[in-house]
C-alpha cells in the first residue's frame, strides 16, 4: 500500500491515476469515492470544504478495502487525513490485513495549488471551500505526516509544483526503490 498525500490541488489525483495505469495498481481516490458515495448533509459539509468525521471515513475505507486482495498493490489517495484514521490503518497493518510500503507527500504552496483548483472548475472548487480545505490540511494532515514518521512509516516529500511528468518520474523511482 502506498499513501498519496498532499494539499488539495497538489496533483494526488493526477499522479495516482498515472501510477495506477503505469503499474496496474488499484487506485482508491477518496475524493472520487466521496463525491459519488455521500448524500445530503455529508455532501453539503464537503462542498463547504469540510471533512466527514473519522468514523464515517473509516467505515467507507473498510468496506472498499475488503474488496481488494492483500496481495494486490493499492494507492490510497486522500486517506488517512487525520491521526485517528492513521491509527485505524496502523492497527490493520499490525493485524496483517494490509502492507504499508510508503507515504508520498506531494508538497506545494497554497498559491500554486489555488490557481490549479480554480482552473479545474469542479463544484467544490470555490474560493471559500478551497481556503477551508487548505486550513483543514494544515490542521489535520500536516500533523499526520509527522505522526506517520514517528510511527516508522517512511514519508517521502516530493516537490509537486514541478511539471506533471517530472513529478511522476520521481514517484516511479521512489516506488521502484521501496
Foldseek 3Di string as FASTA:
>chain_A
DEEEAEFAQLCLVVLQVVCCVVPVAAEDAPVVCCVPPDDDPQVVCVLQQHHDDLVVSLVVVVVVLVVDQQVGHYYYYCPPQAVVRVVVVVVCVVVVNHPYAAYEYRDDDLVLRLVVLVVVPDSSNDPSNSVSSRVSSVVGRVVVVVVCVVVPHHYHYDHSSDDPVVSSVVVVVVVVVD
